[in-house]
N, C-alpha and C. Protein backbone atom coordinates (compact mmCIF):
# COMPACT_ATOMS: atom_id res chain seq x y z
N MET A 1 76.55 -27.35 61.15
CA MET A 1 76.26 -28.62 61.81
C MET A 1 76.91 -29.75 61.13
N ALA A 2 76.94 -29.77 59.79
CA ALA A 2 77.59 -30.82 58.96
C ALA A 2 79.04 -30.92 59.37
N LEU A 3 79.66 -29.76 59.52
CA LEU A 3 81.12 -29.72 59.76
C LEU A 3 81.41 -30.24 61.19
N GLN A 4 80.57 -29.94 62.15
CA GLN A 4 80.75 -30.40 63.49
C GLN A 4 80.65 -31.95 63.54
N LEU A 5 79.72 -32.47 62.78
CA LEU A 5 79.58 -33.95 62.74
C LEU A 5 80.79 -34.58 61.98
N ALA A 6 81.19 -33.97 60.91
CA ALA A 6 82.28 -34.40 60.17
C ALA A 6 83.58 -34.54 60.98
N ARG A 7 83.77 -33.53 61.81
CA ARG A 7 84.96 -33.51 62.70
C ARG A 7 85.00 -34.74 63.55
N ARG A 8 83.77 -35.32 63.93
CA ARG A 8 83.66 -36.59 64.68
C ARG A 8 83.84 -37.77 63.78
N GLY A 9 84.08 -37.57 62.53
CA GLY A 9 84.20 -38.69 61.58
C GLY A 9 82.96 -39.23 60.96
N TRP A 10 81.85 -38.63 61.17
CA TRP A 10 80.57 -39.01 60.69
C TRP A 10 80.47 -38.89 59.15
N ARG A 11 79.52 -39.71 58.67
CA ARG A 11 79.10 -39.61 57.24
C ARG A 11 77.95 -38.56 57.39
N VAL A 12 77.99 -37.50 56.58
CA VAL A 12 76.95 -36.52 56.63
C VAL A 12 76.45 -36.22 55.26
N ALA A 13 75.11 -36.31 55.08
CA ALA A 13 74.43 -35.94 53.88
C ALA A 13 73.81 -34.58 54.10
N PHE A 14 73.83 -33.68 53.21
CA PHE A 14 73.15 -32.40 53.33
C PHE A 14 72.64 -31.89 52.03
N THR A 15 71.54 -31.16 52.05
CA THR A 15 70.94 -30.64 50.83
C THR A 15 70.94 -29.18 50.75
N GLY A 16 70.82 -28.67 49.61
CA GLY A 16 70.72 -27.24 49.33
C GLY A 16 70.53 -26.93 47.91
N ARG A 17 70.18 -25.68 47.60
CA ARG A 17 69.96 -25.25 46.26
C ARG A 17 71.22 -24.71 45.56
N ARG A 18 72.13 -24.28 46.30
CA ARG A 18 73.31 -23.56 45.71
C ARG A 18 74.53 -24.49 45.60
N LYS A 19 74.89 -24.81 44.35
CA LYS A 19 75.91 -25.78 44.12
C LYS A 19 77.31 -25.41 44.58
N ALA A 20 77.62 -24.20 44.56
CA ALA A 20 78.90 -23.71 45.03
C ALA A 20 79.05 -23.90 46.53
N ARG A 21 77.97 -23.57 47.29
CA ARG A 21 77.90 -23.66 48.75
C ARG A 21 78.01 -25.11 49.19
N LEU A 22 77.26 -25.96 48.45
CA LEU A 22 77.36 -27.39 48.71
C LEU A 22 78.72 -27.96 48.48
N GLU A 23 79.38 -27.58 47.39
CA GLU A 23 80.74 -28.05 47.11
C GLU A 23 81.75 -27.59 48.18
N GLU A 24 81.58 -26.33 48.62
CA GLU A 24 82.42 -25.76 49.68
C GLU A 24 82.26 -26.51 50.94
N THR A 25 80.96 -26.83 51.32
CA THR A 25 80.71 -27.57 52.60
C THR A 25 81.26 -28.98 52.48
N ALA A 26 81.12 -29.64 51.31
CA ALA A 26 81.56 -30.98 51.18
C ALA A 26 83.02 -30.99 51.23
N ARG A 27 83.78 -30.05 50.64
CA ARG A 27 85.22 -30.01 50.79
C ARG A 27 85.67 -29.86 52.24
N ALA A 28 85.07 -28.88 52.96
CA ALA A 28 85.39 -28.68 54.37
C ALA A 28 85.07 -29.90 55.23
N ALA A 29 84.01 -30.57 54.89
CA ALA A 29 83.57 -31.75 55.71
C ALA A 29 84.66 -32.92 55.45
N ARG A 30 85.07 -33.10 54.25
CA ARG A 30 86.08 -34.09 53.90
C ARG A 30 87.36 -33.73 54.57
N GLU A 31 87.76 -32.52 54.55
CA GLU A 31 89.00 -32.11 55.22
C GLU A 31 88.98 -32.20 56.77
N ALA A 32 87.72 -32.16 57.27
CA ALA A 32 87.45 -32.25 58.74
C ALA A 32 87.50 -33.75 59.22
N GLY A 33 87.51 -34.72 58.20
CA GLY A 33 87.50 -36.19 58.46
C GLY A 33 86.21 -36.81 58.34
N GLY A 34 85.24 -36.16 57.71
CA GLY A 34 83.94 -36.81 57.57
C GLY A 34 83.83 -37.34 56.11
N GLU A 35 82.69 -37.97 55.87
CA GLU A 35 82.42 -38.51 54.52
C GLU A 35 81.16 -37.74 54.11
N PRO A 36 81.33 -36.67 53.22
CA PRO A 36 80.11 -35.89 52.84
C PRO A 36 79.39 -36.44 51.66
N LEU A 37 78.14 -36.18 51.61
CA LEU A 37 77.30 -36.51 50.46
C LEU A 37 76.49 -35.19 50.28
N ALA A 38 76.83 -34.38 49.28
CA ALA A 38 76.16 -33.13 48.99
C ALA A 38 75.13 -33.37 47.90
N LEU A 39 73.87 -32.98 48.23
CA LEU A 39 72.77 -33.18 47.28
C LEU A 39 72.04 -31.87 47.02
N GLN A 40 72.13 -31.57 45.69
CA GLN A 40 71.54 -30.32 45.25
C GLN A 40 70.11 -30.47 44.91
N GLY A 41 69.32 -29.49 45.40
CA GLY A 41 67.90 -29.58 45.14
C GLY A 41 67.18 -28.77 46.25
N SER A 42 65.90 -28.82 46.24
CA SER A 42 65.08 -28.09 47.26
C SER A 42 64.11 -28.99 48.00
N VAL A 43 63.92 -28.72 49.23
CA VAL A 43 62.93 -29.43 50.07
C VAL A 43 61.51 -29.07 49.69
N SER A 44 61.44 -28.05 48.91
CA SER A 44 60.03 -27.63 48.46
C SER A 44 59.58 -28.51 47.21
N ASP A 45 60.48 -29.30 46.69
CA ASP A 45 60.23 -30.20 45.61
C ASP A 45 60.20 -31.64 46.12
N PRO A 46 58.96 -32.25 46.13
CA PRO A 46 58.91 -33.60 46.71
C PRO A 46 59.76 -34.61 45.87
N ALA A 47 59.99 -34.42 44.58
CA ALA A 47 60.77 -35.37 43.74
C ALA A 47 62.23 -35.17 44.19
N ASP A 48 62.71 -33.92 44.51
CA ASP A 48 64.06 -33.80 44.99
C ASP A 48 64.31 -34.55 46.33
N VAL A 49 63.28 -34.45 47.22
CA VAL A 49 63.42 -35.14 48.55
C VAL A 49 63.57 -36.60 48.29
N ARG A 50 62.70 -37.15 47.44
CA ARG A 50 62.72 -38.59 47.17
C ARG A 50 64.02 -39.02 46.52
N ARG A 51 64.50 -38.19 45.57
CA ARG A 51 65.82 -38.45 44.91
C ARG A 51 67.00 -38.44 45.90
N HIS A 52 66.85 -37.40 46.78
CA HIS A 52 68.02 -37.28 47.80
C HIS A 52 67.97 -38.41 48.76
N TYR A 53 66.87 -38.82 49.23
CA TYR A 53 66.85 -40.00 50.13
C TYR A 53 67.28 -41.25 49.46
N ALA A 54 66.91 -41.40 48.18
CA ALA A 54 67.31 -42.63 47.39
C ALA A 54 68.85 -42.62 47.26
N ALA A 55 69.39 -41.42 47.10
CA ALA A 55 70.89 -41.37 46.94
C ALA A 55 71.59 -41.68 48.26
N VAL A 56 71.02 -41.28 49.37
CA VAL A 56 71.55 -41.58 50.70
C VAL A 56 71.50 -43.15 50.84
N LYS A 57 70.34 -43.77 50.53
CA LYS A 57 70.13 -45.19 50.72
C LYS A 57 71.14 -45.97 49.86
N GLU A 58 71.32 -45.49 48.61
CA GLU A 58 72.29 -46.09 47.66
C GLU A 58 73.69 -46.00 48.17
N ALA A 59 74.05 -44.88 48.62
CA ALA A 59 75.49 -44.65 49.10
C ALA A 59 75.72 -45.39 50.44
N TRP A 60 74.83 -45.36 51.35
CA TRP A 60 75.06 -45.80 52.79
C TRP A 60 74.13 -46.83 53.28
N GLY A 61 73.06 -47.07 52.44
CA GLY A 61 72.03 -48.12 52.95
C GLY A 61 70.99 -47.47 53.77
N GLY A 62 71.06 -46.11 53.94
CA GLY A 62 70.01 -45.46 54.71
C GLY A 62 70.66 -44.52 55.80
N LEU A 63 69.80 -44.18 56.73
CA LEU A 63 70.30 -43.20 57.78
C LEU A 63 70.05 -43.82 59.14
N ASP A 64 70.96 -43.47 60.06
CA ASP A 64 70.77 -43.81 61.46
C ASP A 64 70.15 -42.61 62.13
N TRP A 65 70.51 -41.48 61.74
CA TRP A 65 70.03 -40.18 62.28
C TRP A 65 69.57 -39.36 61.10
N ALA A 66 68.43 -38.68 61.42
CA ALA A 66 67.99 -37.63 60.43
C ALA A 66 67.89 -36.33 61.23
N ILE A 67 68.74 -35.42 60.92
CA ILE A 67 68.68 -34.10 61.57
C ILE A 67 68.08 -33.16 60.56
N LEU A 68 66.83 -32.77 60.77
CA LEU A 68 66.03 -31.98 59.89
C LEU A 68 66.00 -30.56 60.27
N LYS A 69 66.59 -29.73 59.61
CA LYS A 69 66.74 -28.25 59.90
C LYS A 69 66.61 -27.49 58.62
N ARG A 70 65.82 -26.45 58.67
CA ARG A 70 65.70 -25.57 57.62
C ARG A 70 65.35 -24.20 58.05
N ARG A 71 66.01 -23.21 57.58
CA ARG A 71 65.77 -21.81 57.96
C ARG A 71 65.39 -21.06 56.70
N GLY A 72 64.13 -21.07 56.46
CA GLY A 72 63.62 -20.32 55.31
C GLY A 72 62.63 -19.35 55.77
N GLY A 73 62.77 -18.06 55.31
CA GLY A 73 61.81 -17.16 55.70
C GLY A 73 62.08 -15.77 55.05
N LEU A 74 61.00 -15.05 54.76
CA LEU A 74 61.19 -13.74 54.17
C LEU A 74 61.00 -12.72 55.28
N HIS A 75 61.99 -11.97 55.47
CA HIS A 75 61.98 -10.93 56.50
C HIS A 75 61.96 -9.50 55.95
N GLY A 76 61.51 -8.62 56.74
CA GLY A 76 61.46 -7.26 56.26
C GLY A 76 59.96 -6.70 56.32
N ARG A 77 59.84 -5.48 56.34
CA ARG A 77 58.63 -4.84 56.42
C ARG A 77 57.85 -4.98 55.11
N GLN A 78 57.09 -6.04 54.96
CA GLN A 78 56.35 -6.23 53.72
C GLN A 78 54.85 -6.40 53.95
N GLY A 79 54.45 -6.15 55.22
CA GLY A 79 53.05 -6.38 55.59
C GLY A 79 52.70 -7.82 55.56
N VAL A 80 51.36 -8.13 55.69
CA VAL A 80 50.95 -9.48 55.72
C VAL A 80 50.69 -9.87 54.26
N ARG A 81 51.43 -10.84 53.74
CA ARG A 81 51.31 -11.32 52.40
C ARG A 81 51.14 -12.83 52.38
N ALA A 82 50.08 -13.21 51.86
CA ALA A 82 49.81 -14.64 51.92
C ALA A 82 50.89 -15.44 51.18
N GLU A 83 51.48 -14.92 50.11
CA GLU A 83 52.50 -15.57 49.35
C GLU A 83 53.72 -15.79 50.23
N ALA A 84 54.11 -14.88 51.05
CA ALA A 84 55.25 -14.97 52.04
C ALA A 84 54.97 -16.13 52.89
N TYR A 85 53.74 -16.34 53.44
CA TYR A 85 53.43 -17.38 54.38
C TYR A 85 53.46 -18.79 53.52
N ARG A 86 52.95 -18.72 52.36
CA ARG A 86 52.83 -19.97 51.49
C ARG A 86 54.26 -20.43 51.32
N TRP A 87 55.17 -19.58 50.81
CA TRP A 87 56.48 -19.99 50.51
C TRP A 87 57.28 -20.46 51.72
N THR A 88 57.10 -19.77 52.86
CA THR A 88 57.81 -20.12 54.03
C THR A 88 57.36 -21.46 54.60
N PHE A 89 56.04 -21.64 54.53
CA PHE A 89 55.48 -22.94 55.08
C PHE A 89 55.90 -24.07 54.14
N ASP A 90 55.92 -23.81 52.91
CA ASP A 90 56.36 -24.89 51.92
C ASP A 90 57.78 -25.35 52.20
N VAL A 91 58.67 -24.43 52.47
CA VAL A 91 60.00 -24.82 52.70
C VAL A 91 60.12 -25.38 54.18
N ASN A 92 59.72 -24.62 55.15
CA ASN A 92 60.01 -24.96 56.59
C ASN A 92 59.08 -26.09 57.03
N VAL A 93 57.89 -26.10 56.83
CA VAL A 93 56.96 -27.07 57.39
C VAL A 93 56.88 -28.32 56.41
N LEU A 94 56.46 -28.03 55.16
CA LEU A 94 56.24 -29.20 54.24
C LEU A 94 57.55 -29.83 53.88
N GLY A 95 58.61 -29.03 53.83
CA GLY A 95 59.99 -29.65 53.56
C GLY A 95 60.31 -30.70 54.59
N MET A 96 60.11 -30.33 55.85
CA MET A 96 60.41 -31.31 56.98
C MET A 96 59.47 -32.48 56.87
N ALA A 97 58.20 -32.15 56.55
CA ALA A 97 57.19 -33.30 56.47
C ALA A 97 57.55 -34.20 55.30
N ARG A 98 58.04 -33.65 54.23
CA ARG A 98 58.44 -34.53 53.08
C ARG A 98 59.56 -35.49 53.50
N TRP A 99 60.54 -34.97 54.28
CA TRP A 99 61.62 -35.76 54.78
C TRP A 99 61.11 -36.87 55.72
N LEU A 100 60.28 -36.39 56.65
CA LEU A 100 59.70 -37.44 57.57
C LEU A 100 58.94 -38.53 56.79
N GLU A 101 58.17 -38.16 55.80
CA GLU A 101 57.45 -39.11 54.97
C GLU A 101 58.42 -40.02 54.26
N ALA A 102 59.48 -39.57 53.82
CA ALA A 102 60.42 -40.43 53.09
C ALA A 102 61.15 -41.37 54.02
N VAL A 103 61.60 -40.83 55.10
CA VAL A 103 62.49 -41.62 56.09
C VAL A 103 61.82 -42.68 56.92
N ILE A 104 60.78 -42.21 57.64
CA ILE A 104 60.19 -43.11 58.70
C ILE A 104 59.70 -44.41 58.19
N PRO A 105 59.01 -44.52 57.07
CA PRO A 105 58.55 -45.87 56.70
C PRO A 105 59.71 -46.91 56.31
N THR A 106 60.88 -46.32 56.06
CA THR A 106 61.95 -47.27 55.64
C THR A 106 62.83 -47.73 56.85
N TRP A 107 62.65 -47.11 58.01
CA TRP A 107 63.49 -47.41 59.13
C TRP A 107 63.02 -48.72 59.86
N SER A 108 63.93 -49.47 60.41
CA SER A 108 63.65 -50.57 61.21
C SER A 108 64.67 -50.62 62.34
N PRO A 109 64.44 -51.41 63.35
CA PRO A 109 65.41 -51.46 64.49
C PRO A 109 66.65 -51.98 63.97
N PRO A 110 67.80 -51.57 64.59
CA PRO A 110 67.88 -50.91 65.94
C PRO A 110 67.30 -49.48 65.84
N ALA A 111 67.13 -48.86 66.99
CA ALA A 111 66.55 -47.54 67.06
C ALA A 111 67.19 -46.53 66.06
N ARG A 112 66.39 -45.71 65.54
CA ARG A 112 66.83 -44.59 64.67
C ARG A 112 66.43 -43.31 65.40
N THR A 113 67.08 -42.19 65.02
CA THR A 113 66.85 -40.97 65.65
C THR A 113 66.41 -39.85 64.72
N ILE A 114 65.40 -39.10 64.97
CA ILE A 114 65.05 -37.96 64.21
C ILE A 114 65.28 -36.74 65.12
N ALA A 115 66.05 -35.84 64.66
CA ALA A 115 66.14 -34.60 65.43
C ALA A 115 65.72 -33.48 64.47
N GLY A 116 64.61 -32.81 64.90
CA GLY A 116 64.06 -31.77 64.10
C GLY A 116 64.31 -30.44 64.75
N VAL A 117 64.83 -29.51 64.10
CA VAL A 117 65.28 -28.29 64.65
C VAL A 117 64.16 -27.21 64.31
N SER A 118 63.74 -26.62 65.37
CA SER A 118 62.77 -25.55 65.21
C SER A 118 63.40 -24.19 65.64
N SER A 119 62.73 -23.37 66.38
CA SER A 119 63.34 -22.05 66.74
C SER A 119 62.57 -21.55 67.93
N LEU A 120 63.23 -20.72 68.67
CA LEU A 120 62.53 -20.00 69.69
C LEU A 120 61.40 -19.05 69.08
N ALA A 121 61.59 -18.75 67.90
CA ALA A 121 60.57 -17.97 67.14
C ALA A 121 59.22 -18.62 67.15
N ALA A 122 59.21 -19.91 67.39
CA ALA A 122 57.89 -20.64 67.41
C ALA A 122 56.90 -20.18 68.55
N PHE A 123 57.58 -19.51 69.54
CA PHE A 123 56.83 -19.17 70.77
C PHE A 123 56.48 -17.73 70.89
N ARG A 124 56.91 -16.92 69.91
CA ARG A 124 56.73 -15.53 70.00
C ARG A 124 56.74 -14.89 68.66
N GLY A 125 55.72 -14.07 68.40
CA GLY A 125 55.73 -13.35 67.14
C GLY A 125 56.79 -12.24 67.11
N LEU A 126 57.72 -12.20 66.21
CA LEU A 126 58.83 -11.23 66.25
C LEU A 126 58.52 -10.26 65.08
N PRO A 127 58.98 -9.05 65.25
CA PRO A 127 58.80 -8.03 64.22
C PRO A 127 59.31 -8.43 62.85
N THR A 128 58.52 -8.11 61.95
CA THR A 128 58.83 -8.46 60.42
C THR A 128 59.12 -9.85 60.16
N SER A 129 58.69 -10.80 61.04
CA SER A 129 58.98 -12.21 60.82
C SER A 129 57.73 -13.14 60.97
N GLY A 130 56.60 -12.56 60.68
CA GLY A 130 55.37 -13.47 60.87
C GLY A 130 55.45 -14.72 60.21
N PRO A 131 55.69 -14.83 58.88
CA PRO A 131 55.71 -16.08 58.26
C PRO A 131 56.75 -17.09 58.92
N TYR A 132 57.91 -16.57 59.17
CA TYR A 132 58.91 -17.44 59.87
C TYR A 132 58.45 -17.97 61.22
N CYS A 133 57.92 -17.05 62.01
CA CYS A 133 57.46 -17.44 63.44
C CYS A 133 56.31 -18.47 63.26
N ALA A 134 55.42 -18.22 62.42
CA ALA A 134 54.22 -19.12 62.25
C ALA A 134 54.71 -20.43 61.77
N SER A 135 55.64 -20.54 60.86
CA SER A 135 56.12 -21.74 60.31
C SER A 135 56.86 -22.55 61.35
N LYS A 136 57.59 -21.91 62.20
CA LYS A 136 58.32 -22.60 63.21
C LYS A 136 57.41 -23.13 64.31
N ALA A 137 56.30 -22.39 64.61
CA ALA A 137 55.35 -22.87 65.51
C ALA A 137 54.62 -24.21 64.91
N ALA A 138 54.43 -24.22 63.69
CA ALA A 138 53.91 -25.42 63.05
C ALA A 138 54.89 -26.52 63.04
N VAL A 139 56.16 -26.27 62.89
CA VAL A 139 57.22 -27.26 62.89
C VAL A 139 57.25 -27.90 64.31
N SER A 140 57.32 -27.08 65.33
CA SER A 140 57.34 -27.47 66.73
C SER A 140 56.16 -28.50 67.01
N ALA A 141 54.92 -28.04 66.62
CA ALA A 141 53.74 -28.90 66.81
C ALA A 141 53.91 -30.21 66.07
N MET A 142 54.33 -30.18 64.85
CA MET A 142 54.56 -31.32 64.05
C MET A 142 55.51 -32.35 64.64
N LEU A 143 56.60 -31.81 65.17
CA LEU A 143 57.68 -32.61 65.80
C LEU A 143 57.10 -33.21 67.08
N GLU A 144 56.33 -32.48 67.89
CA GLU A 144 55.76 -33.05 69.10
C GLU A 144 54.80 -34.16 68.77
N SER A 145 53.98 -34.03 67.72
CA SER A 145 53.09 -35.10 67.33
C SER A 145 53.79 -36.25 66.84
N ALA A 146 54.93 -36.06 66.08
CA ALA A 146 55.71 -37.17 65.58
C ALA A 146 56.31 -37.98 66.69
N ARG A 147 56.73 -37.30 67.71
CA ARG A 147 57.26 -37.99 68.96
C ARG A 147 56.24 -39.00 69.50
N VAL A 148 54.98 -38.50 69.59
CA VAL A 148 53.93 -39.39 70.13
C VAL A 148 53.59 -40.57 69.14
N ASP A 149 53.56 -40.22 67.92
CA ASP A 149 53.24 -41.18 66.90
C ASP A 149 54.36 -42.25 66.79
N LEU A 150 55.58 -41.93 67.06
CA LEU A 150 56.67 -42.88 66.91
C LEU A 150 56.95 -43.67 68.23
N ALA A 151 56.32 -43.30 69.26
CA ALA A 151 56.47 -44.01 70.57
C ALA A 151 56.21 -45.59 70.35
N GLY A 152 57.21 -46.24 70.81
CA GLY A 152 57.13 -47.71 70.74
C GLY A 152 57.52 -48.32 69.46
N THR A 153 58.04 -47.54 68.49
CA THR A 153 58.39 -48.05 67.22
C THR A 153 59.93 -48.34 67.08
N GLY A 154 60.71 -47.98 68.09
CA GLY A 154 62.13 -48.21 68.05
C GLY A 154 62.86 -46.91 67.49
N SER A 155 62.05 -45.94 67.05
CA SER A 155 62.68 -44.67 66.53
C SER A 155 62.52 -43.71 67.63
N ARG A 156 63.52 -42.86 67.72
CA ARG A 156 63.51 -41.75 68.76
C ARG A 156 63.36 -40.47 68.00
N SER A 157 62.65 -39.53 68.67
CA SER A 157 62.49 -38.09 68.10
C SER A 157 62.56 -37.16 69.24
């Protein structure tokens, strides 16, 4: 997604835990004509999210668009394990909530846009993917609620 937006000349900030992959994506985004800002860390760490958004505000003054997407999940026949649900919800659901919490209070008109990405897995339990499916159902419900909460604020979701 970052590369598609970079090809349009956008400034794109993206986060991740793996430094080499971030550097590779930043290089490709720069070559595609975009202005990348690669931020290493984890959405499961509230301090990282705050640090990342502070870096975006320092570099560009903030965001016009927030495209929140995370695909974290443990797949495979492992049975029902509470720890798999906890980890997946921390990354997929709370990670997105941390970004919403950071971004929304700082926005002001003109309109800003939040695009949260869920999955069709939110609507159907898939084999060996219980934690992932459940987390995406929670993400979908959270985004629907955010849309209602943001009505009339000048932000779009």
